[in-house]
Amino acid sequence: MEDRNFQTAQRFLARNRDGAVADSIKEHCTDDFVWWVAGYGEVQNTIGVSSKLLRSHFTGVGATFTIRGVTREGDRVAIEAEASTPLKNGTVYHNRYHFLFIFQDGRIVELREYHDTAHARDIWTPLLNRA
């Protein structure tokens, strides 16, 4: 089960990179799925709109997640990753993440996303204030 959960978590991140956030949630998550993001709180109701707005500033497909570490225990998968993508204004968004996926019967019931909120603020605030 742990390997299947890890594979599901990897697919979830890959689908989100490709911009298929709603599809990824539908495919991999329970109906009562909760996505909590550091600095924002619960975001599942706005994640599609937010993702589309952020993606409009990307020069390419999206941020590539490079997995740096994985811990698997029971129904929990923790993934340490880095993401990087060039932006249209010439800057690069490069952040480090810790994702904690909590599974129930092979589906994601909760995702806790931790990242460098100061870096995210510094990169995104000027861009989003112009939108």
C-alpha atoms as a PDB file:
ATOM      1  CA  MET A   1       0.000   0.000   0.000  1.00  0.00           C
ATOM      2  CA  GLU A   2       2.783   2.449   0.830  1.00  0.00           C
ATOM      3  CA  ASP A   3       4.305   2.178  -2.659  1.00  0.00           C
ATOM      4  CA  ARG A   4       0.900   2.701  -4.276  1.00  0.00           C
ATOM      5  CA  ASN A   5       0.307   5.777  -2.109  1.00  0.00           C
ATOM      6  CA  PHE A   6       3.712   7.178  -3.095  1.00  0.00           C
ATOM      7  CA  GLN A   7       2.951   6.591  -6.779  1.00  0.00           C
ATOM      8  CA  THR A   8      -0.408   8.338  -6.368  1.00  0.00           C
ATOM      9  CA  ALA A   9       1.288  11.307  -4.675  1.00  0.00           C
ATOM     10  CA  GLN A  10       3.800  11.524  -7.539  1.00  0.00           C
ATOM     11  CA  ARG A  11       1.010  11.426 -10.142  1.00  0.00           C
ATOM     12  CA  PHE A  12      -0.892  14.110  -8.208  1.00  0.00           C
ATOM     13  CA  LEU A  13       2.118  16.454  -8.339  1.00  0.00           C
ATOM     14  CA  ALA A  14       2.758  15.680 -12.015  1.00  0.00           C
ATOM     15  CA  ARG A  15      -0.861  16.349 -13.028  1.00  0.00           C
ATOM     16  CA  ASN A  16      -0.819  19.659 -11.160  1.00  0.00           C
ATOM     17  CA  ARG A  17       2.371  20.643 -13.000  1.00  0.00           C
ATOM     18  CA  ASP A  18       0.478  20.090 -16.240  1.00  0.00           C
ATOM     19  CA  GLY A  19      -2.327  22.396 -15.098  1.00  0.00           C
ATOM     20  CA  ALA A  20      -4.876  19.656 -14.496  1.00  0.00           C
ATOM     21  CA  VAL A  21      -5.574  20.586 -10.867  1.00  0.00           C
ATOM     22  CA  ALA A  22      -9.310  19.846 -10.899  1.00  0.00           C
ATOM     23  CA  ASP A  23      -8.764  16.590 -12.807  1.00  0.00           C
ATOM     24  CA  SER A  24      -6.033  15.572 -10.387  1.00  0.00           C
ATOM     25  CA  ILE A  25      -8.268  16.195  -7.377  1.00  0.00           C
ATOM     26  CA  LYS A  26     -11.135  14.267  -8.975  1.00  0.00           C
ATOM     27  CA  GLU A  27      -8.867  11.370  -9.924  1.00  0.00           C
ATOM     28  CA  HIS A  28      -6.796  10.999  -6.751  1.00  0.00           C
ATOM     29  CA  CYS A  29      -8.743  12.514  -3.836  1.00  0.00           C
ATOM     30  CA  THR A  30     -11.704  11.724  -1.635  1.00  0.00           C
ATOM     31  CA  ASP A  31     -14.900  13.785  -1.826  1.00  0.00           C
ATOM     32  CA  ASP A  32     -14.028  15.462   1.499  1.00  0.00           C
ATOM     33  CA  PHE A  33     -10.426  16.209   0.467  1.00  0.00           C
ATOM     34  CA  VAL A  34      -8.744  19.126   2.268  1.00  0.00           C
ATOM     35  CA  TRP A  35      -5.729  20.967   0.802  1.00  0.00           C
ATOM     36  CA  TRP A  36      -4.004  23.206   3.330  1.00  0.00           C
ATOM     37  CA  VAL A  37      -1.200  25.539   2.195  1.00  0.00           C
ATOM     38  CA  ALA A  38       1.191  27.391   4.515  1.00  0.00           C
ATOM     39  CA  GLY A  39       0.378  31.091   4.522  1.00  0.00           C
ATOM     40  CA  TYR A  40      -3.067  30.589   2.941  1.00  0.00           C
ATOM     41  CA  GLY A  41      -4.977  27.934   4.863  1.00  0.00           C
ATOM     42  CA  GLU A  42      -7.463  25.668   3.090  1.00  0.00           C
ATOM     43  CA  VAL A  43      -7.399  26.328  -0.644  1.00  0.00           C
ATOM     44  CA  GLN A  44      -9.258  23.535  -2.425  1.00  0.00           C
ATOM     45  CA  ASN A  45     -12.203  25.805  -3.306  1.00  0.00           C
ATOM     46  CA  THR A  46      -9.946  28.380  -5.010  1.00  0.00           C
ATOM     47  CA  ILE A  47      -7.006  26.272  -6.184  1.00  0.00           C
ATOM     48  CA  GLY A  48      -8.188  26.039  -9.818  1.00  0.00           C
ATOM     49  CA  VAL A  49      -8.593  29.812 -10.206  1.00  0.00           C
ATOM     50  CA  SER A  50      -5.342  30.524  -8.343  1.00  0.00           C
ATOM     51  CA  SER A  51      -3.438  27.961 -10.383  1.00  0.00           C
ATOM     52  CA  LYS A  52      -4.698  29.423 -13.672  1.00  0.00           C
ATOM     53  CA  LEU A  53      -3.708  32.951 -12.602  1.00  0.00           C
ATOM     54  CA  LEU A  54      -0.212  31.866 -11.541  1.00  0.00           C
ATOM     55  CA  ARG A  55       0.254  29.773 -14.694  1.00  0.00           C
ATOM     56  CA  SER A  56      -0.468  32.841 -16.840  1.00  0.00           C
ATOM     57  CA  HIS A  57       2.937  34.169 -15.704  1.00  0.00           C
ATOM     58  CA  PHE A  58       4.888  31.009 -16.625  1.00  0.00           C
ATOM     59  CA  THR A  59       6.991  30.955 -19.787  1.00  0.00           C
ATOM     60  CA  GLY A  60       6.494  27.213 -20.217  1.00  0.00           C
ATOM     61  CA  VAL A  61       4.308  24.384 -19.060  1.00  0.00           C
ATOM     62  CA  GLY A  62       4.820  24.755 -15.341  1.00  0.00           C
ATOM     63  CA  ALA A  63       7.075  24.214 -12.401  1.00  0.00           C
ATOM     64  CA  THR A  64       9.048  21.004 -12.451  1.00  0.00           C
ATOM     65  CA  PHE A  65       9.130  19.233  -9.089  1.00  0.00           C
ATOM     66  CA  THR A  66      12.386  17.507  -8.249  1.00  0.00           C
ATOM     67  CA  ILE A  67      11.921  15.071  -5.394  1.00  0.00           C
ATOM     68  CA  ARG A  68      14.701  15.349  -2.810  1.00  0.00           C
ATOM     69  CA  GLY A  69      13.366  12.995  -0.159  1.00  0.00           C
ATOM     70  CA  VAL A  70      10.468  10.700   0.654  1.00  0.00           C
ATOM     71  CA  THR A  71       9.199   9.245   3.913  1.00  0.00           C
ATOM     72  CA  ARG A  72       6.440   6.645   3.878  1.00  0.00           C
ATOM     73  CA  GLU A  73       4.638   5.415   6.943  1.00  0.00           C
ATOM     74  CA  GLY A  74       1.237   3.780   6.927  1.00  0.00           C
ATOM     75  CA  ASP A  75      -1.263   6.056   5.204  1.00  0.00           C
ATOM     76  CA  ARG A  76       1.131   9.031   5.160  1.00  0.00           C
ATOM     77  CA  VAL A  77       3.601  10.008   2.461  1.00  0.00           C
ATOM     78  CA  ALA A  78       5.910  12.980   2.997  1.00  0.00           C
ATOM     79  CA  ILE A  79       7.702  14.374  -0.048  1.00  0.00           C
ATOM     80  CA  GLU A  80      10.460  16.971   0.066  1.00  0.00           C
ATOM     81  CA  ALA A  81      10.799  18.656  -3.310  1.00  0.00           C
ATOM     82  CA  GLU A  82      12.066  21.681  -5.152  1.00  0.00           C
ATOM     83  CA  ALA A  83      10.173  23.413  -7.918  1.00  0.00           C
ATOM     84  CA  SER A  84      11.465  25.824 -10.473  1.00  0.00           C
ATOM     85  CA  THR A  85       9.987  27.667 -13.424  1.00  0.00           C
ATOM     86  CA  PRO A  86      11.002  30.760 -15.386  1.00  0.00           C
ATOM     87  CA  LEU A  87       8.477  33.588 -15.442  1.00  0.00           C
ATOM     88  CA  LYS A  88       7.569  36.001 -18.224  1.00  0.00           C
ATOM     89  CA  ASN A  89       9.015  38.967 -16.294  1.00  0.00           C
ATOM     90  CA  GLY A  90      12.488  37.370 -16.411  1.00  0.00           C
ATOM     91  CA  THR A  91      12.571  36.108 -12.820  1.00  0.00           C
ATOM     92  CA  VAL A  92      12.616  32.478 -11.771  1.00  0.00           C
ATOM     93  CA  TYR A  93      10.282  31.020  -9.208  1.00  0.00           C
ATOM     94  CA  HIS A  94      12.309  28.457  -7.283  1.00  0.00           C
ATOM     95  CA  ASN A  95      10.912  27.136  -4.046  1.00  0.00           C
ATOM     96  CA  ARG A  96      11.394  24.231  -1.681  1.00  0.00           C
ATOM     97  CA  TYR A  97       8.368  22.239  -0.579  1.00  0.00           C
ATOM     98  CA  HIS A  98       7.335  19.694   1.967  1.00  0.00           C
ATOM     99  CA  PHE A  99       4.124  17.891   1.005  1.00  0.00           C
ATOM    100  CA  LEU A 100       2.382  15.655   3.500  1.00  0.00           C
ATOM    101  CA  PHE A 101      -0.174  13.416   1.811  1.00  0.00           C
ATOM    102  CA  ILE A 102      -2.636  11.590   4.044  1.00  0.00           C
ATOM    103  CA  PHE A 103      -4.429   8.675   2.430  1.00  0.00           C
ATOM    104  CA  GLN A 104      -7.644   6.835   3.145  1.00  0.00           C
ATOM    105  CA  ASP A 105      -8.379   3.649   1.202  1.00  0.00           C
ATOM    106  CA  GLY A 106      -5.796   4.562  -1.457  1.00  0.00           C
ATOM    107  CA  ARG A 107      -7.110   8.095  -2.081  1.00  0.00           C
ATOM    108  CA  ILE A 108      -5.762  11.416  -0.802  1.00  0.00           C
ATOM    109  CA  VAL A 109      -7.954  12.736   2.005  1.00  0.00           C
ATOM    110  CA  GLU A 110      -5.663  15.578   3.060  1.00  0.00           C
ATOM    111  CA  LEU A 111      -2.670  17.407   1.633  1.00  0.00           C
ATOM    112  CA  ARG A 112      -0.564  19.768   3.714  1.00  0.00           C
ATOM    113  CA  GLU A 113       1.785  21.922   1.658  1.00  0.00           C
ATOM    114  CA  TYR A 114       4.665  23.774   3.295  1.00  0.00           C
ATOM    115  CA  HIS A 115       7.008  26.066   1.366  1.00  0.00           C
ATOM    116  CA  ASP A 116       9.059  29.234   1.711  1.00  0.00           C
ATOM    117  CA  THR A 117       6.203  31.705   2.054  1.00  0.00           C
ATOM    118  CA  ALA A 118       8.551  34.721   1.997  1.00  0.00           C
ATOM    119  CA  HIS A 119       9.929  33.691  -1.412  1.00  0.00           C
ATOM    120  CA  ALA A 120       6.421  33.077  -2.750  1.00  0.00           C
ATOM    121  CA  ARG A 121       5.302  36.510  -1.505  1.00  0.00           C
ATOM    122  CA  ASP A 122       8.360  38.246  -2.986  1.00  0.00           C
ATOM    123  CA  ILE A 123       7.864  36.654  -6.410  1.00  0.00           C
ATOM    124  CA  TRP A 124       4.078  36.589  -6.734  1.00  0.00           C
ATOM    125  CA  THR A 125       2.853  39.754  -4.978  1.00  0.00           C
ATOM    126  CA  PRO A 126       4.226  42.221  -7.579  1.00  0.00           C
ATOM    127  CA  LEU A 127       2.872  40.083 -10.433  1.00  0.00           C
ATOM    128  CA  LEU A 128      -0.548  39.495  -8.953  1.00  0.00           C
ATOM    129  CA  ASN A 129      -1.026  43.134  -7.943  1.00  0.00           C
ATOM    130  CA  ARG A 130      -0.764  44.023 -11.632  1.00  0.00           C
ATOM    131  CA  ALA A 131      -3.310  41.384 -12.700  1.00  0.00           C
END
